[in-house]
Amino acid sequence: MEALRRAASDLALAVTFLTILPLPARAAHGSLGVVGGPRSGAAFFPLVGALVGALAGGVLVLAEPALGPLLAATLAVTVLVVVTGALHQDGLADCADGLGARGGTANRLAVMRDSAVGVFGVLALLAWGLLLVGALAGLDSTSALHALITAAATGRWSALLHGAVAPPARSDGLGAAFAVSRSAFAVATVIAAAVALLTNPPLQGLATLAAGAVVATVVSLWARRSLGGRTGDTLGATVALTETVVCLTLLALAGP
C-alpha cells in the first residue's frame, strides 16, 4: 500500500513538473530539488508524455473531420505546447540562440539564459512547428494519434537519457539538479518501450526508440563540446527535437 502511495505521489510530481495541469496540494507536495532522483517522478516522465500526446492526438482526431488534416495537426501541436507551458520549446529556442552565439562557452551559456529570443531561436521554433505539423498531417488520424503518444513519451525518455550521459554545465539551475537515478531511468525505459511497442508495429516502435537515442546522443555531444554539459535548456530541446524526429520517422515508415 505504501508503495502505491509513493508511486502516486511520484506520478503527481511528474505531472506537476512537465505540465501546467493543476493538482491537489497534497498530491503535488514534494521536493523536486533533485529532479531526476528516485523520489522526483522521473521514472514516470514517459507516462506523463504519453498522456500529453494522447490529449493532443485526441484533439486531432476530433478536429480532422471538420477542419481537415492540416488544421487539425496545427491544433494538436498547439495543445501540445499549451499543456506543457511551452517548456520544451523555450529550451529549443535558447539552444538555437546558443548555437548561433559567437564566443566561448561562458558567452553561449549567458545567451541561453537571456529571456529574449533571438533570430536563431525564432527560426528553430518555426522549423520545429512546420516539421511536426507536416509530419502529423501526412498521417491518417489514427496513425497521427499513435505518433503523438509515442513521440511525447519517447521525448521525455530521451531527455532522461541525455541527463544521464551529459554532466551538468553549471553548478546551479535545472541542469545541475537533474541527476537521473539508475532505478528511475530503468523504469522510464520500460514505460517508453511499452508505449512505443503498444502503439506501433514492432519495427516502427523500435525505430522510434532508436530515434530518441540518436537525438539524445547528438544533443549530449553538442552540449559537452559547446557548453560543458547539460542545462535545463538542452533537456527541453531534447524533448522537442525527439518529438519531431519520431513523427518524421513514423511518417517515413508509413509508406505511400
C-alpha atoms as a PDB file:
ATOM      1  CA  MET A   1       0.000   0.000   0.000  1.00  0.00           C
ATOM      2  CA  GLU A   2       2.819   2.365   0.887  1.00  0.00           C
ATOM      3  CA  ALA A   3       4.499   1.603  -2.432  1.00  0.00           C
ATOM      4  CA  LEU A   4       1.317   2.545  -4.292  1.00  0.00           C
ATOM      5  CA  ARG A   5       1.072   5.833  -2.387  1.00  0.00           C
ATOM      6  CA  ARG A   6       4.680   6.644  -3.244  1.00  0.00           C
ATOM      7  CA  ALA A   7       4.127   5.806  -6.897  1.00  0.00           C
ATOM      8  CA  ALA A   8       1.027   8.018  -6.986  1.00  0.00           C
ATOM      9  CA  SER A   9       2.977  10.846  -5.349  1.00  0.00           C
ATOM     10  CA  ASP A  10       5.849  10.468  -7.820  1.00  0.00           C
ATOM     11  CA  LEU A  11       3.420  10.455 -10.750  1.00  0.00           C
ATOM     12  CA  ALA A  12       1.811  13.625  -9.404  1.00  0.00           C
ATOM     13  CA  LEU A  13       5.226  15.262  -9.151  1.00  0.00           C
ATOM     14  CA  ALA A  14       5.980  14.312 -12.751  1.00  0.00           C
ATOM     15  CA  VAL A  15       2.671  15.793 -13.917  1.00  0.00           C
ATOM     16  CA  THR A  16       3.316  18.971 -11.937  1.00  0.00           C
ATOM     17  CA  PHE A  17       6.795  19.369 -13.381  1.00  0.00           C
ATOM     18  CA  LEU A  18       6.016  18.546 -17.016  1.00  0.00           C
ATOM     19  CA  THR A  19       2.615  20.173 -17.469  1.00  0.00           C
ATOM     20  CA  ILE A  20       0.517  23.129 -16.362  1.00  0.00           C
ATOM     21  CA  LEU A  21      -2.267  20.840 -15.146  1.00  0.00           C
ATOM     22  CA  PRO A  22      -3.377  21.723 -11.595  1.00  0.00           C
ATOM     23  CA  LEU A  23      -3.119  19.079  -8.917  1.00  0.00           C
ATOM     24  CA  PRO A  24      -4.303  18.965  -5.292  1.00  0.00           C
ATOM     25  CA  ALA A  25      -1.768  20.476  -2.907  1.00  0.00           C
ATOM     26  CA  ARG A  26      -1.126  17.149  -1.185  1.00  0.00           C
ATOM     27  CA  ALA A  27      -0.519  15.316  -4.453  1.00  0.00           C
ATOM     28  CA  ALA A  28       1.856  17.974  -5.706  1.00  0.00           C
ATOM     29  CA  HIS A  29       3.727  18.176  -2.410  1.00  0.00           C
ATOM     30  CA  GLY A  30       7.302  17.031  -2.540  1.00  0.00           C
ATOM     31  CA  SER A  31      10.784  18.116  -3.402  1.00  0.00           C
ATOM     32  CA  LEU A  32      11.872  18.497  -6.995  1.00  0.00           C
ATOM     33  CA  GLY A  33      15.325  19.533  -5.827  1.00  0.00           C
ATOM     34  CA  VAL A  34      16.981  16.555  -7.469  1.00  0.00           C
ATOM     35  CA  VAL A  35      14.685  16.403 -10.458  1.00  0.00           C
ATOM     36  CA  GLY A  36      15.866  13.051 -11.707  1.00  0.00           C
ATOM     37  CA  GLY A  37      16.219  11.491  -8.292  1.00  0.00           C
ATOM     38  CA  PRO A  38      14.349   8.431  -7.059  1.00  0.00           C
ATOM     39  CA  ARG A  39      11.516  10.492  -5.478  1.00  0.00           C
ATOM     40  CA  SER A  40      11.191  13.120  -8.220  1.00  0.00           C
ATOM     41  CA  GLY A  41       8.834  11.271 -10.532  1.00  0.00           C
ATOM     42  CA  ALA A  42      11.433  10.952 -13.294  1.00  0.00           C
ATOM     43  CA  ALA A  43      10.504   7.298 -13.745  1.00  0.00           C
ATOM     44  CA  PHE A  44       7.049   8.411 -14.857  1.00  0.00           C
ATOM     45  CA  PHE A  45       8.173  11.088 -17.331  1.00  0.00           C
ATOM     46  CA  PRO A  46       7.410   8.885 -20.387  1.00  0.00           C
ATOM     47  CA  LEU A  47       3.979   8.015 -18.974  1.00  0.00           C
ATOM     48  CA  VAL A  48       3.123  11.682 -18.499  1.00  0.00           C
ATOM     49  CA  GLY A  49       4.397  12.315 -22.013  1.00  0.00           C
ATOM     50  CA  ALA A  50       2.137   9.585 -23.366  1.00  0.00           C
ATOM     51  CA  LEU A  51      -0.846  11.173 -21.638  1.00  0.00           C
ATOM     52  CA  VAL A  52       0.015  14.598 -23.043  1.00  0.00           C
ATOM     53  CA  GLY A  53       0.406  13.069 -26.505  1.00  0.00           C
ATOM     54  CA  ALA A  54      -2.923  11.279 -26.136  1.00  0.00           C
ATOM     55  CA  LEU A  55      -4.621  14.562 -25.264  1.00  0.00           C
ATOM     56  CA  ALA A  56      -3.137  16.346 -28.280  1.00  0.00           C
ATOM     57  CA  GLY A  57      -3.857  13.350 -30.509  1.00  0.00           C
ATOM     58  CA  GLY A  58      -7.428  13.163 -29.311  1.00  0.00           C
ATOM     59  CA  VAL A  59      -7.925  16.786 -30.314  1.00  0.00           C
ATOM     60  CA  LEU A  60      -6.518  15.957 -33.756  1.00  0.00           C
ATOM     61  CA  VAL A  61      -8.871  13.003 -34.238  1.00  0.00           C
ATOM     62  CA  LEU A  62     -11.907  15.035 -33.193  1.00  0.00           C
ATOM     63  CA  ALA A  63     -10.977  18.087 -35.276  1.00  0.00           C
ATOM     64  CA  GLU A  64      -9.908  16.415 -38.519  1.00  0.00           C
ATOM     65  CA  PRO A  65     -13.390  15.659 -39.936  1.00  0.00           C
ATOM     66  CA  ALA A  66     -14.375  19.324 -39.677  1.00  0.00           C
ATOM     67  CA  LEU A  67     -11.055  21.098 -40.241  1.00  0.00           C
ATOM     68  CA  GLY A  68      -9.026  18.741 -42.407  1.00  0.00           C
ATOM     69  CA  PRO A  69      -5.640  17.159 -41.619  1.00  0.00           C
ATOM     70  CA  LEU A  70      -3.500  20.337 -41.762  1.00  0.00           C
ATOM     71  CA  LEU A  71      -5.567  22.481 -39.408  1.00  0.00           C
ATOM     72  CA  ALA A  72      -6.236  19.517 -37.117  1.00  0.00           C
ATOM     73  CA  ALA A  73      -2.491  18.845 -36.875  1.00  0.00           C
ATOM     74  CA  THR A  74      -1.844  22.520 -36.167  1.00  0.00           C
ATOM     75  CA  LEU A  75      -4.435  22.482 -33.391  1.00  0.00           C
ATOM     76  CA  ALA A  76      -2.918  19.321 -31.910  1.00  0.00           C
ATOM     77  CA  VAL A  77       0.561  20.849 -31.830  1.00  0.00           C
ATOM     78  CA  THR A  78      -0.889  23.963 -30.211  1.00  0.00           C
ATOM     79  CA  VAL A  79      -2.447  21.809 -27.487  1.00  0.00           C
ATOM     80  CA  LEU A  80       0.897  20.027 -27.036  1.00  0.00           C
ATOM     81  CA  VAL A  81       2.640  23.367 -26.459  1.00  0.00           C
ATOM     82  CA  VAL A  82      -0.032  24.870 -24.218  1.00  0.00           C
ATOM     83  CA  VAL A  83      -0.415  21.841 -21.922  1.00  0.00           C
ATOM     84  CA  THR A  84       3.342  21.746 -21.308  1.00  0.00           C
ATOM     85  CA  GLY A  85       3.612  25.513 -20.862  1.00  0.00           C
ATOM     86  CA  ALA A  86       5.975  25.737 -23.857  1.00  0.00           C
ATOM     87  CA  LEU A  87       8.651  24.366 -21.525  1.00  0.00           C
ATOM     88  CA  HIS A  88      10.464  22.358 -24.182  1.00  0.00           C
ATOM     89  CA  GLN A  89      10.049  24.898 -26.971  1.00  0.00           C
ATOM     90  CA  ASP A  90      11.678  27.524 -24.756  1.00  0.00           C
ATOM     91  CA  GLY A  91      14.652  25.184 -24.328  1.00  0.00           C
ATOM     92  CA  LEU A  92      14.854  24.586 -28.065  1.00  0.00           C
ATOM     93  CA  ALA A  93      14.841  28.317 -28.820  1.00  0.00           C
ATOM     94  CA  ASP A  94      17.519  29.035 -26.205  1.00  0.00           C
ATOM     95  CA  CYS A  95      19.743  26.232 -27.504  1.00  0.00           C
ATOM     96  CA  ALA A  96      19.403  27.539 -31.053  1.00  0.00           C
ATOM     97  CA  ASP A  97      20.432  31.006 -29.869  1.00  0.00           C
ATOM     98  CA  GLY A  98      23.391  29.452 -28.028  1.00  0.00           C
ATOM     99  CA  LEU A  99      24.336  27.520 -31.155  1.00  0.00           C
ATOM    100  CA  GLY A 100      24.439  30.763 -33.132  1.00  0.00           C
ATOM    101  CA  ALA A 101      26.274  32.764 -30.465  1.00  0.00           C
ATOM    102  CA  ARG A 102      29.876  33.744 -31.042  1.00  0.00           C
ATOM    103  CA  GLY A 103      32.471  33.395 -28.341  1.00  0.00           C
ATOM    104  CA  GLY A 104      33.294  30.714 -25.842  1.00  0.00           C
ATOM    105  CA  THR A 105      31.277  28.543 -23.510  1.00  0.00           C
ATOM    106  CA  ALA A 106      30.576  31.296 -20.978  1.00  0.00           C
ATOM    107  CA  ASN A 107      29.093  33.537 -23.664  1.00  0.00           C
ATOM    108  CA  ARG A 108      26.907  30.751 -25.053  1.00  0.00           C
ATOM    109  CA  LEU A 109      25.566  29.975 -21.593  1.00  0.00           C
ATOM    110  CA  ALA A 110      24.892  33.668 -20.982  1.00  0.00           C
ATOM    111  CA  VAL A 111      22.996  33.954 -24.275  1.00  0.00           C
ATOM    112  CA  MET A 112      20.926  30.882 -23.436  1.00  0.00           C
ATOM    113  CA  ARG A 113      19.994  32.317 -20.034  1.00  0.00           C
ATOM    114  CA  ASP A 114      18.789  35.556 -21.595  1.00  0.00           C
ATOM    115  CA  SER A 115      14.983  35.587 -21.622  1.00  0.00           C
ATOM    116  CA  ALA A 116      14.901  37.281 -25.047  1.00  0.00           C
ATOM    117  CA  VAL A 117      14.555  35.010 -28.076  1.00  0.00           C
ATOM    118  CA  GLY A 118      16.965  35.735 -30.924  1.00  0.00           C
ATOM    119  CA  VAL A 119      16.767  35.103 -34.644  1.00  0.00           C
ATOM    120  CA  PHE A 120      18.166  31.573 -34.381  1.00  0.00           C
ATOM    121  CA  GLY A 121      15.616  30.745 -31.703  1.00  0.00           C
ATOM    122  CA  VAL A 122      12.726  32.010 -33.808  1.00  0.00           C
ATOM    123  CA  LEU A 123      13.925  30.045 -36.827  1.00  0.00           C
ATOM    124  CA  ALA A 124      14.293  26.889 -34.741  1.00  0.00           C
ATOM    125  CA  LEU A 125      10.756  27.186 -33.393  1.00  0.00           C
ATOM    126  CA  LEU A 126       9.396  27.847 -36.867  1.00  0.00           C
ATOM    127  CA  ALA A 127      11.172  24.788 -38.277  1.00  0.00           C
ATOM    128  CA  TRP A 128      10.040  22.640 -35.341  1.00  0.00           C
ATOM    129  CA  GLY A 129       6.413  23.626 -35.768  1.00  0.00           C
ATOM    130  CA  LEU A 130       6.361  23.241 -39.543  1.00  0.00           C
ATOM    131  CA  LEU A 131       8.057  19.845 -39.494  1.00  0.00           C
ATOM    132  CA  LEU A 132       5.867  18.473 -36.714  1.00  0.00           C
ATOM    133  CA  VAL A 133       2.629  19.741 -38.247  1.00  0.00           C
ATOM    134  CA  GLY A 134       3.683  18.463 -41.672  1.00  0.00           C
ATOM    135  CA  ALA A 135       4.526  15.023 -40.323  1.00  0.00           C
ATOM    136  CA  LEU A 136       1.212  14.698 -38.481  1.00  0.00           C
ATOM    137  CA  ALA A 137      -0.804  15.993 -41.432  1.00  0.00           C
ATOM    138  CA  GLY A 138       0.820  13.344 -43.632  1.00  0.00           C
ATOM    139  CA  LEU A 139      -0.551  10.536 -41.451  1.00  0.00           C
ATOM    140  CA  ASP A 140      -4.131   9.368 -41.126  1.00  0.00           C
ATOM    141  CA  SER A 141      -5.813  10.464 -37.905  1.00  0.00           C
ATOM    142  CA  THR A 142      -5.340   7.158 -36.069  1.00  0.00           C
ATOM    143  CA  SER A 143      -1.671   6.960 -37.023  1.00  0.00           C
ATOM    144  CA  ALA A 144      -1.216  10.602 -36.028  1.00  0.00           C
ATOM    145  CA  LEU A 145      -2.734   9.863 -32.615  1.00  0.00           C
ATOM    146  CA  HIS A 146      -0.356   6.951 -32.126  1.00  0.00           C
ATOM    147  CA  ALA A 147       2.550   9.080 -33.360  1.00  0.00           C
ATOM    148  CA  LEU A 148       1.834  11.827 -30.829  1.00  0.00           C
ATOM    149  CA  ILE A 149       1.562   9.356 -27.959  1.00  0.00           C
ATOM    150  CA  THR A 150       4.821   7.672 -28.962  1.00  0.00           C
ATOM    151  CA  ALA A 151       6.680  10.906 -29.705  1.00  0.00           C
ATOM    152  CA  ALA A 152       5.709  12.586 -26.446  1.00  0.00           C
ATOM    153  CA  ALA A 153       6.639   9.522 -24.386  1.00  0.00           C
ATOM    154  CA  THR A 154       9.918   8.935 -26.229  1.00  0.00           C
ATOM    155  CA  GLY A 155      10.795  12.617 -25.989  1.00  0.00           C
ATOM    156  CA  ARG A 156      10.699  12.547 -22.174  1.00  0.00           C
ATOM    157  CA  TRP A 157      12.694   9.309 -22.111  1.00  0.00           C
ATOM    158  CA  SER A 158      15.248  10.829 -24.481  1.00  0.00           C
ATOM    159  CA  ALA A 159      15.648  13.781 -22.096  1.00  0.00           C
ATOM    160  CA  LEU A 160      16.339  11.356 -19.248  1.00  0.00           C
ATOM    161  CA  LEU A 161      18.968   9.630 -21.388  1.00  0.00           C
ATOM    162  CA  HIS A 162      20.561  12.996 -22.147  1.00  0.00           C
ATOM    163  CA  GLY A 163      20.534  13.844 -18.447  1.00  0.00           C
ATOM    164  CA  ALA A 164      22.145  10.505 -17.620  1.00  0.00           C
ATOM    165  CA  VAL A 165      25.075  10.761 -20.047  1.00  0.00           C
ATOM    166  CA  ALA A 166      25.865  14.501 -20.037  1.00  0.00           C
ATOM    167  CA  PRO A 167      27.311  16.191 -16.930  1.00  0.00           C
ATOM    168  CA  PRO A 168      25.834  19.498 -15.728  1.00  0.00           C
ATOM    169  CA  ALA A 169      27.249  22.606 -17.406  1.00  0.00           C
ATOM    170  CA  ARG A 170      26.641  24.774 -14.337  1.00  0.00           C
ATOM    171  CA  SER A 171      26.676  24.207 -10.603  1.00  0.00           C
ATOM    172  CA  ASP A 172      23.159  25.609 -10.323  1.00  0.00           C
ATOM    173  CA  GLY A 173      19.932  25.501 -12.298  1.00  0.00           C
ATOM    174  CA  LEU A 174      17.769  22.681 -13.603  1.00  0.00           C
ATOM    175  CA  GLY A 175      20.627  21.008 -15.467  1.00  0.00           C
ATOM    176  CA  ALA A 176      22.592  20.579 -12.244  1.00  0.00           C
ATOM    177  CA  ALA A 177      19.537  19.318 -10.349  1.00  0.00           C
ATOM    178  CA  PHE A 178      18.673  16.739 -12.998  1.00  0.00           C
ATOM    179  CA  ALA A 179      20.542  13.758 -11.559  1.00  0.00           C
ATOM    180  CA  VAL A 180      18.876  10.687 -13.072  1.00  0.00           C
ATOM    181  CA  SER A 181      18.990   7.654 -10.804  1.00  0.00           C
ATOM    182  CA  ARG A 182      19.543   4.235 -12.355  1.00  0.00           C
ATOM    183  CA  SER A 183      16.288   2.870 -10.985  1.00  0.00           C
ATOM    184  CA  ALA A 184      14.276   5.821 -12.321  1.00  0.00           C
ATOM    185  CA  PHE A 185      15.868   5.532 -15.746  1.00  0.00           C
ATOM    186  CA  ALA A 186      15.262   1.772 -15.855  1.00  0.00           C
ATOM    187  CA  VAL A 187      11.567   2.172 -15.069  1.00  0.00           C
ATOM    188  CA  ALA A 188      11.278   5.050 -17.558  1.00  0.00           C
ATOM    189  CA  THR A 189      12.897   2.897 -20.254  1.00  0.00           C
ATOM    190  CA  VAL A 190      10.418   0.073 -19.679  1.00  0.00           C
ATOM    191  CA  ILE A 191       7.488   2.504 -19.865  1.00  0.00           C
ATOM    192  CA  ALA A 192       8.803   4.220 -23.006  1.00  0.00           C
ATOM    193  CA  ALA A 193       9.417   0.887 -24.726  1.00  0.00           C
ATOM    194  CA  ALA A 194       5.972  -0.398 -23.763  1.00  0.00           C
ATOM    195  CA  VAL A 195       4.298   2.751 -25.140  1.00  0.00           C
ATOM    196  CA  ALA A 196       6.279   2.594 -28.388  1.00  0.00           C
ATOM    197  CA  LEU A 197       5.556  -1.083 -28.974  1.00  0.00           C
ATOM    198  CA  LEU A 198       1.898  -0.966 -27.936  1.00  0.00           C
ATOM    199  CA  THR A 199       1.044   1.973 -30.208  1.00  0.00           C
ATOM    200  CA  ASN A 200       3.075   0.871 -33.238  1.00  0.00           C
ATOM    201  CA  PRO A 201       4.095  -2.288 -35.109  1.00  0.00           C
ATOM    202  CA  PRO A 202       7.350  -3.754 -33.703  1.00  0.00           C
ATOM    203  CA  LEU A 203       9.642  -2.287 -36.395  1.00  0.00           C
ATOM    204  CA  GLN A 204       8.210   1.211 -36.072  1.00  0.00           C
ATOM    205  CA  GLY A 205       8.237   1.026 -32.284  1.00  0.00           C
ATOM    206  CA  LEU A 206      11.895   0.060 -32.159  1.00  0.00           C
ATOM    207  CA  ALA A 207      12.697   2.751 -34.732  1.00  0.00           C
ATOM    208  CA  THR A 208      11.158   5.435 -32.535  1.00  0.00           C
ATOM    209  CA  LEU A 209      13.253   4.351 -29.560  1.00  0.00           C
ATOM    210  CA  ALA A 210      16.348   4.375 -31.761  1.00  0.00           C
ATOM    211  CA  ALA A 211      15.430   7.862 -32.987  1.00  0.00           C
ATOM    212  CA  GLY A 212      15.131   9.072 -29.406  1.00  0.00           C
ATOM    213  CA  ALA A 213      18.513   7.592 -28.524  1.00  0.00           C
ATOM    214  CA  VAL A 214      20.128   9.256 -31.558  1.00  0.00           C
ATOM    215  CA  VAL A 215      18.704  12.662 -30.647  1.00  0.00           C
ATOM    216  CA  ALA A 216      19.851  12.315 -27.042  1.00  0.00           C
ATOM    217  CA  THR A 217      23.329  11.312 -28.212  1.00  0.00           C
ATOM    218  CA  VAL A 218      23.653  14.195 -30.677  1.00  0.00           C
ATOM    219  CA  VAL A 219      22.421  16.774 -28.165  1.00  0.00           C
ATOM    220  CA  SER A 220      24.725  15.349 -25.490  1.00  0.00           C
ATOM    221  CA  LEU A 221      27.761  15.518 -27.756  1.00  0.00           C
ATOM    222  CA  TRP A 222      26.965  19.110 -28.726  1.00  0.00           C
ATOM    223  CA  ALA A 223      26.268  20.114 -25.118  1.00  0.00           C
ATOM    224  CA  ARG A 224      29.534  18.615 -23.890  1.00  0.00           C
ATOM    225  CA  ARG A 225      31.575  20.287 -26.588  1.00  0.00           C
ATOM    226  CA  SER A 226      29.898  23.695 -26.703  1.00  0.00           C
ATOM    227  CA  LEU A 227      28.502  24.180 -23.197  1.00  0.00           C
ATOM    228  CA  GLY A 228      30.419  21.813 -20.964  1.00  0.00           C
ATOM    229  CA  GLY A 229      27.359  19.638 -20.337  1.00  0.00           C
ATOM    230  CA  ARG A 230      23.607  19.656 -19.925  1.00  0.00           C
ATOM    231  CA  THR A 231      21.384  22.554 -18.925  1.00  0.00           C
ATOM    232  CA  GLY A 232      17.659  22.878 -18.458  1.00  0.00           C
ATOM    233  CA  ASP A 233      17.506  24.220 -21.999  1.00  0.00           C
ATOM    234  CA  THR A 234      19.295  21.224 -23.523  1.00  0.00           C
ATOM    235  CA  LEU A 235      16.901  18.908 -21.689  1.00  0.00           C
ATOM    236  CA  GLY A 236      13.912  20.764 -23.095  1.00  0.00           C
ATOM    237  CA  ALA A 237      15.409  20.882 -26.572  1.00  0.00           C
ATOM    238  CA  THR A 238      15.943  17.119 -26.452  1.00  0.00           C
ATOM    239  CA  VAL A 239      12.229  16.580 -25.831  1.00  0.00           C
ATOM    240  CA  ALA A 240      11.137  18.929 -28.632  1.00  0.00           C
ATOM    241  CA  LEU A 241      13.615  17.558 -31.178  1.00  0.00           C
ATOM    242  CA  THR A 242      12.765  13.952 -30.351  1.00  0.00           C
ATOM    243  CA  GLU A 243       9.054  14.597 -30.800  1.00  0.00           C
ATOM    244  CA  THR A 244       9.652  15.900 -34.307  1.00  0.00           C
ATOM    245  CA  VAL A 245      12.171  13.232 -35.297  1.00  0.00           C
ATOM    246  CA  VAL A 246       9.900  10.432 -34.053  1.00  0.00           C
ATOM    247  CA  CYS A 247       6.899  11.749 -36.014  1.00  0.00           C
ATOM    248  CA  LEU A 248       9.034  12.143 -39.141  1.00  0.00           C
ATOM    249  CA  THR A 249      10.364   8.612 -38.667  1.00  0.00           C
ATOM    250  CA  LEU A 250       6.856   7.184 -38.402  1.00  0.00           C
ATOM    251  CA  LEU A 251       5.768   9.145 -41.474  1.00  0.00           C
ATOM    252  CA  ALA A 252       8.718   7.775 -43.456  1.00  0.00           C
ATOM    253  CA  LEU A 253       7.976   4.210 -42.345  1.00  0.00           C
ATOM    254  CA  ALA A 254       4.260   4.535 -43.088  1.00  0.00           C
ATOM    255  CA  GLY A 255       4.983   4.299 -46.806  1.00  0.00           C
ATOM    256  CA  PRO A 256       2.861   5.675 -49.660  1.00  0.00           C
END
